[in-house]
C-alpha atoms as a PDB file:
ATOM      1  CA  MET A   1    -102.927-103.959 113.816  1.00  0.00           C
ATOM      2  CA  ALA A   2    -106.475-104.652 114.032  1.00  0.00           C
ATOM      3  CA  LEU A   3    -109.283-102.072 115.068  1.00  0.00           C
ATOM      4  CA  ASN A   4    -109.367-101.536 118.616  1.00  0.00           C
ATOM      5  CA  ALA A   5    -111.979-103.680 120.827  1.00  0.00           C
ATOM      6  CA  ARG A   6    -114.849-101.515 121.586  1.00  0.00           C
ATOM      7  CA  LEU A   7    -113.844 -98.810 123.508  1.00  0.00           C
ATOM      8  CA  ASP A   8    -115.537 -97.509 126.844  1.00  0.00           C
ATOM      9  CA  HIS A   9    -115.819 -93.429 127.202  1.00  0.00           C
ATOM     10  CA  ARG A  10    -115.872 -94.218 131.013  1.00  0.00           C
ATOM     11  CA  ASN A  11    -112.041 -95.111 131.241  1.00  0.00           C
ATOM     12  CA  PRO A  12    -109.917 -92.247 131.932  1.00  0.00           C
ATOM     13  CA  LEU A  13    -107.307 -93.151 129.479  1.00  0.00           C
ATOM     14  CA  VAL A  14    -109.946 -93.190 126.390  1.00  0.00           C
ATOM     15  CA  PHE A  15    -110.266 -90.003 124.648  1.00  0.00           C
ATOM     16  CA  ASP A  16    -112.610 -88.444 122.546  1.00  0.00           C
ATOM     17  CA  THR A  17    -111.429 -86.547 119.199  1.00  0.00           C
ATOM     18  CA  HIS A  18    -115.040 -85.495 117.813  1.00  0.00           C
ATOM     19  CA  GLU A  19    -114.312 -81.763 118.766  1.00  0.00           C
ATOM     20  CA  LEU A  20    -111.617 -81.838 116.023  1.00  0.00           C
ATOM     21  CA  GLY A  21    -114.410 -82.712 113.501  1.00  0.00           C
ATOM     22  CA  ARG A  22    -111.850 -84.059 110.868  1.00  0.00           C
ATOM     23  CA  ARG A  23    -110.624 -80.696 110.027  1.00  0.00           C
ATOM     24  CA  PRO A  24    -106.916 -80.747 109.404  1.00  0.00           C
ATOM     25  CA  GLY A  25    -105.145 -78.322 111.280  1.00  0.00           C
ATOM     26  CA  ALA A  26    -107.544 -78.293 114.162  1.00  0.00           C
ATOM     27  CA  LEU A  27    -105.880 -78.314 117.756  1.00  0.00           C
ATOM     28  CA  GLN A  28    -107.061 -79.526 121.209  1.00  0.00           C
ATOM     29  CA  ARG A  29    -105.225 -79.558 124.284  1.00  0.00           C
ATOM     30  CA  LEU A  30    -106.079 -81.578 127.394  1.00  0.00           C
ATOM     31  CA  THR A  31    -104.693 -82.208 130.801  1.00  0.00           C
ATOM     32  CA  ARG A  32    -106.011 -84.806 132.698  1.00  0.00           C
ATOM     33  CA  THR A  33    -104.639 -86.667 136.366  1.00  0.00           C
ATOM     34  CA  ILE A  34    -105.675 -90.312 136.323  1.00  0.00           C
ATOM     35  CA  ASP A  35    -104.905 -93.341 138.669  1.00  0.00           C
ATOM     36  CA  ALA A  36    -101.950 -95.509 137.279  1.00  0.00           C
ATOM     37  CA  PRO A  37    -103.225 -98.860 135.784  1.00  0.00           C
ATOM     38  CA  ARG A  38    -101.990-102.111 136.874  1.00  0.00           C
ATOM     39  CA  ASP A  39     -98.433-103.113 136.110  1.00  0.00           C
ATOM     40  CA  LEU A  40     -97.449 -99.826 134.873  1.00  0.00           C
ATOM     41  CA  GLY A  41     -93.652-100.192 134.441  1.00  0.00           C
ATOM     42  CA  ILE A  42     -90.834-103.029 134.196  1.00  0.00           C
ATOM     43  CA  GLN A  43     -92.456-105.762 136.274  1.00  0.00           C
ATOM     44  CA  GLY A  44     -90.669-107.060 139.407  1.00  0.00           C
ATOM     45  CA  VAL A  45     -88.140-104.151 139.049  1.00  0.00           C
ATOM     46  CA  ILE A  46     -89.729-100.568 138.955  1.00  0.00           C
ATOM     47  CA  GLY A  47     -92.831 -99.080 138.276  1.00  0.00           C
ATOM     48  CA  VAL A  48     -95.366 -96.754 139.154  1.00  0.00           C
ATOM     49  CA  PRO A  49     -97.862 -98.167 141.810  1.00  0.00           C
ATOM     50  CA  GLU A  50    -101.291 -99.099 140.972  1.00  0.00           C
ATOM     51  CA  GLY A  51    -103.441 -96.322 141.672  1.00  0.00           C
ATOM     52  CA  ALA A  52    -100.712 -93.423 141.803  1.00  0.00           C
ATOM     53  CA  PRO A  53    -101.609 -90.233 139.961  1.00  0.00           C
ATOM     54  CA  VAL A  54    -100.499 -89.850 136.627  1.00  0.00           C
ATOM     55  CA  GLU A  55    -100.646 -86.440 135.222  1.00  0.00           C
ATOM     56  CA  LEU A  56    -101.099 -86.047 131.449  1.00  0.00           C
ATOM     57  CA  ASP A  57    -100.572 -83.246 129.079  1.00  0.00           C
ATOM     58  CA  LEU A  58    -101.902 -84.081 125.312  1.00  0.00           C
ATOM     59  CA  ARG A  59    -101.908 -82.333 122.220  1.00  0.00           C
ATOM     60  CA  LEU A  60    -104.336 -83.680 119.903  1.00  0.00           C
ATOM     61  CA  GLU A  61    -103.872 -82.466 116.227  1.00  0.00           C
ATOM     62  CA  SER A  62    -106.208 -83.401 113.348  1.00  0.00           C
ATOM     63  CA  VAL A  63    -104.395 -84.452 109.857  1.00  0.00           C
ATOM     64  CA  MET A  64    -105.586 -85.726 106.586  1.00  0.00           C
ATOM     65  CA  GLU A  65    -105.178 -89.298 107.743  1.00  0.00           C
ATOM     66  CA  GLY A  66    -106.240 -89.173 111.567  1.00  0.00           C
ATOM     67  CA  VAL A  67    -105.285 -87.634 114.869  1.00  0.00           C
ATOM     68  CA  LEU A  68    -101.662 -87.125 115.883  1.00  0.00           C
ATOM     69  CA  VAL A  69    -101.488 -87.370 119.611  1.00  0.00           C
ATOM     70  CA  THR A  70     -98.490 -85.723 121.363  1.00  0.00           C
ATOM     71  CA  GLY A  71     -98.165 -85.609 125.262  1.00  0.00           C
ATOM     72  CA  THR A  72     -96.227 -85.903 128.217  1.00  0.00           C
ATOM     73  CA  ALA A  73     -96.601 -88.142 131.246  1.00  0.00           C
ATOM     74  CA  ARG A  74     -95.388 -87.371 134.888  1.00  0.00           C
ATOM     75  CA  ALA A  75     -95.615 -89.961 137.878  1.00  0.00           C
ATOM     76  CA  ARG A  76     -93.728 -91.363 140.520  1.00  0.00           C
ATOM     77  CA  ALA A  77     -91.952 -94.704 140.183  1.00  0.00           C
ATOM     78  CA  GLU A  78     -90.956 -97.025 142.800  1.00  0.00           C
ATOM     79  CA  GLY A  79     -88.681 -99.952 143.166  1.00  0.00           C
ATOM     80  CA  GLU A  80     -85.691-101.190 144.746  1.00  0.00           C
ATOM     81  CA  CYS A  81     -81.988-100.782 144.210  1.00  0.00           C
ATOM     82  CA  VAL A  82     -80.427-103.919 142.193  1.00  0.00           C
ATOM     83  CA  ARG A  83     -77.291-103.534 144.212  1.00  0.00           C
ATOM     84  CA  CYS A  84     -78.463-103.143 148.006  1.00  0.00           C
ATOM     85  CA  LEU A  85     -82.254-103.909 147.523  1.00  0.00           C
ATOM     86  CA  GLU A  86     -83.196-100.702 149.431  1.00  0.00           C
ATOM     87  CA  PRO A  87     -86.223 -98.888 148.428  1.00  0.00           C
ATOM     88  CA  VAL A  88     -85.792 -96.541 145.300  1.00  0.00           C
ATOM     89  CA  GLY A  89     -87.844 -93.586 144.195  1.00  0.00           C
ATOM     90  CA  LEU A  90     -87.707 -91.344 141.187  1.00  0.00           C
ATOM     91  CA  GLU A  91     -89.912 -88.500 139.837  1.00  0.00           C
ATOM     92  CA  LEU A  92     -90.661 -89.684 136.227  1.00  0.00           C
ATOM     93  CA  GLU A  93     -91.370 -87.348 133.043  1.00  0.00           C
ATOM     94  CA  THR A  94     -91.715 -88.992 129.577  1.00  0.00           C
ATOM     95  CA  ASP A  95     -92.947 -87.775 126.446  1.00  0.00           C
ATOM     96  CA  PHE A  96     -94.598 -89.695 123.700  1.00  0.00           C
ATOM     97  CA  GLN A  97     -96.275 -89.031 120.171  1.00  0.00           C
ATOM     98  CA  GLU A  98     -98.476 -91.362 118.154  1.00  0.00           C
ATOM     99  CA  MET A  99    -100.928 -91.200 115.007  1.00  0.00           C
ATOM    100  CA  PHE A 100    -104.390 -92.670 115.309  1.00  0.00           C
ATOM    101  CA  SER A 101    -105.603 -93.279 111.988  1.00  0.00           C
ATOM    102  CA  TYR A 102    -109.137 -93.050 110.617  1.00  0.00           C
ATOM    103  CA  PRO A 103    -110.131 -96.549 109.938  1.00  0.00           C
ATOM    104  CA  ASP A 104    -111.489 -95.713 106.425  1.00  0.00           C
ATOM    105  CA  ALA A 105    -108.384 -93.714 105.630  1.00  0.00           C
ATOM    106  CA  ASP A 106    -104.979 -94.632 103.769  1.00  0.00           C
ATOM    107  CA  GLU A 107    -101.763 -93.176 104.794  1.00  0.00           C
ATOM    108  CA  ARG A 108    -102.415 -90.219 102.455  1.00  0.00           C
ATOM    109  CA  GLY A 109    -105.809 -89.715 104.147  1.00  0.00           C
ATOM    110  CA  ARG A 110    -107.805 -90.805 101.349  1.00  0.00           C
ATOM    111  CA  VAL A 111    -110.947 -92.808 101.873  1.00  0.00           C
ATOM    112  CA  LYS A 112    -110.222 -96.364 100.967  1.00  0.00           C
ATOM    113  CA  ALA A 113    -112.509 -97.674  98.351  1.00  0.00           C
ATOM    114  CA  ASP A 114    -112.350-101.079 100.022  1.00  0.00           C
ATOM    115  CA  PRO A 115    -112.007-101.018 103.824  1.00  0.00           C
ATOM    116  CA  ASP A 116    -110.351-104.514 103.499  1.00  0.00           C
ATOM    117  CA  ASP A 117    -107.576-103.090 101.003  1.00  0.00           C
ATOM    118  CA  ASP A 118    -104.050-102.771 102.194  1.00  0.00           C
ATOM    119  CA  ALA A 119    -104.873-105.061 105.470  1.00  0.00           C
ATOM    120  CA  GLU A 120    -101.322-106.267 105.739  1.00  0.00           C
ATOM    121  CA  ASP A 121    -100.248-102.358 105.899  1.00  0.00           C
ATOM    122  CA  ASP A 122    -102.658-101.842 108.904  1.00  0.00           C
ATOM    123  CA  GLU A 123    -100.744-104.329 111.062  1.00  0.00           C
ATOM    124  CA  ASP A 124     -98.535-101.700 112.695  1.00  0.00           C
ATOM    125  CA  ARG A 125    -100.901 -98.827 112.929  1.00  0.00           C
ATOM    126  CA  LEU A 126    -103.283 -97.737 115.508  1.00  0.00           C
ATOM    127  CA  PHE A 127    -107.092 -96.426 114.595  1.00  0.00           C
ATOM    128  CA  LEU A 128    -109.634 -94.649 116.013  1.00  0.00           C
ATOM    129  CA  GLU A 129    -112.872 -96.020 116.922  1.00  0.00           C
ATOM    130  CA  ASP A 130    -115.979 -94.065 116.854  1.00  0.00           C
ATOM    131  CA  GLY A 131    -113.628 -90.934 116.911  1.00  0.00           C
ATOM    132  CA  MET A 132    -112.129 -92.212 120.332  1.00  0.00           C
ATOM    133  CA  PHE A 133    -108.505 -93.681 121.049  1.00  0.00           C
ATOM    134  CA  ASP A 134    -107.196 -95.510 124.023  1.00  0.00           C
ATOM    135  CA  LEU A 135    -103.795 -94.228 125.497  1.00  0.00           C
ATOM    136  CA  GLU A 136    -102.988 -96.948 127.622  1.00  0.00           C
ATOM    137  CA  PRO A 137    -100.893 -98.728 125.390  1.00  0.00           C
ATOM    138  CA  LEU A 138     -98.739 -95.940 124.488  1.00  0.00           C
ATOM    139  CA  LEU A 139     -98.472 -94.723 128.094  1.00  0.00           C
ATOM    140  CA  ARG A 140     -97.236 -98.013 128.819  1.00  0.00           C
ATOM    141  CA  ASP A 141     -94.548 -98.336 126.172  1.00  0.00           C
ATOM    142  CA  ALA A 142     -93.266 -94.618 127.090  1.00  0.00           C
ATOM    143  CA  VAL A 143     -93.229 -95.425 130.804  1.00  0.00           C
ATOM    144  CA  VAL A 144     -91.041 -98.637 130.155  1.00  0.00           C
ATOM    145  CA  LEU A 145     -88.729 -96.804 128.002  1.00  0.00           C
ATOM    146  CA  ALA A 146     -88.303 -93.862 130.343  1.00  0.00           C
ATOM    147  CA  LEU A 147     -87.438 -96.299 133.467  1.00  0.00           C
ATOM    148  CA  PRO A 148     -83.975 -97.661 134.439  1.00  0.00           C
ATOM    149  CA  MET A 149     -83.489-101.309 133.658  1.00  0.00           C
ATOM    150  CA  GLN A 150     -81.171-101.582 136.803  1.00  0.00           C
ATOM    151  CA  PRO A 151     -82.243 -98.689 139.352  1.00  0.00           C
ATOM    152  CA  VAL A 152     -79.816 -97.905 142.042  1.00  0.00           C
ATOM    153  CA  CYS A 153     -80.475 -95.773 145.237  1.00  0.00           C
ATOM    154  CA  GLN A 154     -77.102 -93.777 144.350  1.00  0.00           C
ATOM    155  CA  GLU A 155     -74.601 -93.912 141.789  1.00  0.00           C
ATOM    156  CA  ASP A 156     -71.651 -95.285 143.537  1.00  0.00           C
ATOM    157  CA  CYS A 157     -73.945 -97.787 145.832  1.00  0.00           C
ATOM    158  CA  PRO A 158     -71.389-100.371 146.643  1.00  0.00           C
ATOM    159  CA  GLY A 159     -74.142-103.045 147.174  1.00  0.00           C
ATOM    160  CA  LEU A 160     -74.192-105.912 149.787  1.00  0.00           C
ATOM    161  CA  CYS A 161     -71.444-107.952 151.556  1.00  0.00           C
ATOM    162  CA  SER A 162     -70.946-111.206 149.495  1.00  0.00           C
ATOM    163  CA  GLU A 163     -70.369-113.174 152.635  1.00  0.00           C
ATOM    164  CA  CYS A 164     -72.895-111.838 155.458  1.00  0.00           C
ATOM    165  CA  GLY A 165     -75.162-109.368 153.309  1.00  0.00           C
ATOM    166  CA  GLU A 166     -74.426-106.419 155.316  1.00  0.00           C
ATOM    167  CA  ARG A 167     -74.956-102.972 153.602  1.00  0.00           C
ATOM    168  CA  LEU A 168     -71.714-101.702 152.875  1.00  0.00           C
ATOM    169  CA  ALA A 169     -72.705 -98.000 152.443  1.00  0.00           C
ATOM    170  CA  ASP A 170     -73.656 -98.361 156.072  1.00  0.00           C
ATOM    171  CA  ASP A 171     -70.345 -99.460 157.133  1.00  0.00           C
ATOM    172  CA  PRO A 172     -67.625 -98.305 154.763  1.00  0.00           C
ATOM    173  CA  ASP A 173     -64.805-100.118 156.589  1.00  0.00           C
ATOM    174  CA  HIS A 174     -66.634-103.362 156.741  1.00  0.00           C
ATOM    175  CA  HIS A 175     -64.379-106.135 155.418  1.00  0.00           C
ATOM    176  CA  HIS A 176     -63.733-109.981 156.310  1.00  0.00           C
ATOM    177  CA  ASP A 177     -60.040-111.375 156.831  1.00  0.00           C
ATOM    178  CA  ALA A 178     -59.594-113.562 153.821  1.00  0.00           C
ATOM    179  CA  VAL A 179     -58.679-117.398 154.139  1.00  0.00           C
ATOM    180  CA  ASP A 180     -57.203-119.284 151.454  1.00  0.00           C
ATOM    181  CA  ILE A 181     -59.396-122.618 151.400  1.00  0.00           C
ATOM    182  CA  ARG A 182     -56.075-124.275 149.969  1.00  0.00           C
ATOM    183  CA  TRP A 183     -54.434-123.779 153.590  1.00  0.00           C
ATOM    184  CA  ALA A 184     -57.342-124.224 155.923  1.00  0.00           C
ATOM    185  CA  ALA A 185     -56.760-127.915 155.886  1.00  0.00           C
ATOM    186  CA  LEU A 186     -52.894-127.676 156.712  1.00  0.00           C
ATOM    187  CA  GLN A 187     -53.710-125.090 159.323  1.00  0.00           C
ATOM    188  CA  GLY A 188     -55.976-127.551 161.089  1.00  0.00           C
ATOM    189  CA  LEU A 189     -53.367-130.215 160.785  1.00  0.00           C
ATOM    190  CA  ALA A 190     -50.755-127.680 162.100  1.00  0.00           C
ATOM    191  CA  GLY A 191     -53.006-126.918 165.241  1.00  0.00           C
ATOM    192  CA  SER A 192     -53.285-130.821 165.818  1.00  0.00           C
ATOM    193  CA  LEU A 193     -49.646-131.353 165.616  1.00  0.00           C
ATOM    194  CA  GLU A 194     -49.127-128.485 168.238  1.00  0.00           C
ATOM    195  CA  ASP A 195     -51.408-130.137 170.582  1.00  0.00           C
ATOM    196  CA  GLY A 196     -49.756-133.409 170.128  1.00  0.00           C
ATOM    197  CA  GLU A 197     -46.500-131.815 170.976  1.00  0.00           C
ATOM    198  CA  LYS A 198     -47.888-130.024 174.108  1.00  0.00           C
ATOM    199  CA  ASP A 199     -49.308-133.355 175.193  1.00  0.00           C
ATOM    200  CA  GLU A 200     -45.743-135.142 174.866  1.00  0.00           C
ATOM    201  CA  MET A 201     -43.930-132.556 176.568  1.00  0.00           C
ATOM    202  CA  SER A 202     -46.460-132.450 179.464  1.00  0.00           C
ATOM    203  CA  GLY A 203     -45.619-136.390 179.650  1.00  0.00           C
ATOM    204  CA  ALA A 204     -42.055-135.961 179.547  1.00  0.00           C
ATOM    205  CA  GLU A 205     -42.191-133.236 182.283  1.00  0.00           C
ATOM    206  CA  ALA A 206     -44.234-135.722 184.340  1.00  0.00           C
ATOM    207  CA  GLY A 207     -41.767-138.491 183.889  1.00  0.00           C
ATOM    208  CA  VAL A 208     -38.818-136.053 185.097  1.00  0.00           C
ATOM    209  CA  ASP A 209     -40.751-135.243 188.317  1.00  0.00           C
ATOM    210  CA  GLU A 210     -41.510-138.643 189.099  1.00  0.00           C
ATOM    211  CA  LYS A 211     -37.662-139.539 188.952  1.00  0.00           C
ATOM    212  CA  GLN A 212     -36.733-136.639 191.035  1.00  0.00           C
ATOM    213  CA  GLU A 213     -39.054-137.684 193.625  1.00  0.00           C
ATOM    214  CA  LYS A 214     -37.630-141.300 193.717  1.00  0.00           C
END
């Protein structure tokens, strides 16, 4: 991975590691509550609303090759049930860990003779920039992995009626009489025949009455 774009220390998700002083074994613990960035979660399914509080507990540990970041994020996620479309809310707690490497050190912590050496090996690594790192990409990955891909309001949610859209949990006895479409036409034909027979019977009865009158 290329070096981060220039980081802004005013960004609440940017952290400074200068206090560690590149001393292997040095530790720093941080607690911070930040406003959730936009689209934090699974878009269109469930996520932490933009601006909602996210509590962060971080442990920064200096090692030979960089700073090992271990942390926990807590927030409330919101979405809708995939079965009945009712609102869903859940308390989210997710752990994460990532190494942020010094730009001038290899994987064993040695200073590179040429910063361009092993460029291909750096593609999947995250780097410190001026002693700072951006937690947002790591936080996003952790939140997405912790969220359900198909959230439900309750494990046994029966969903919606496929015929009328009624929420089945509100009416456990809800049902529709099943009609086999293969018999629908015959039922209509039978109804027509019955109506015809009634008309014929009415006509016959009228004829008998006329003869009796004569």
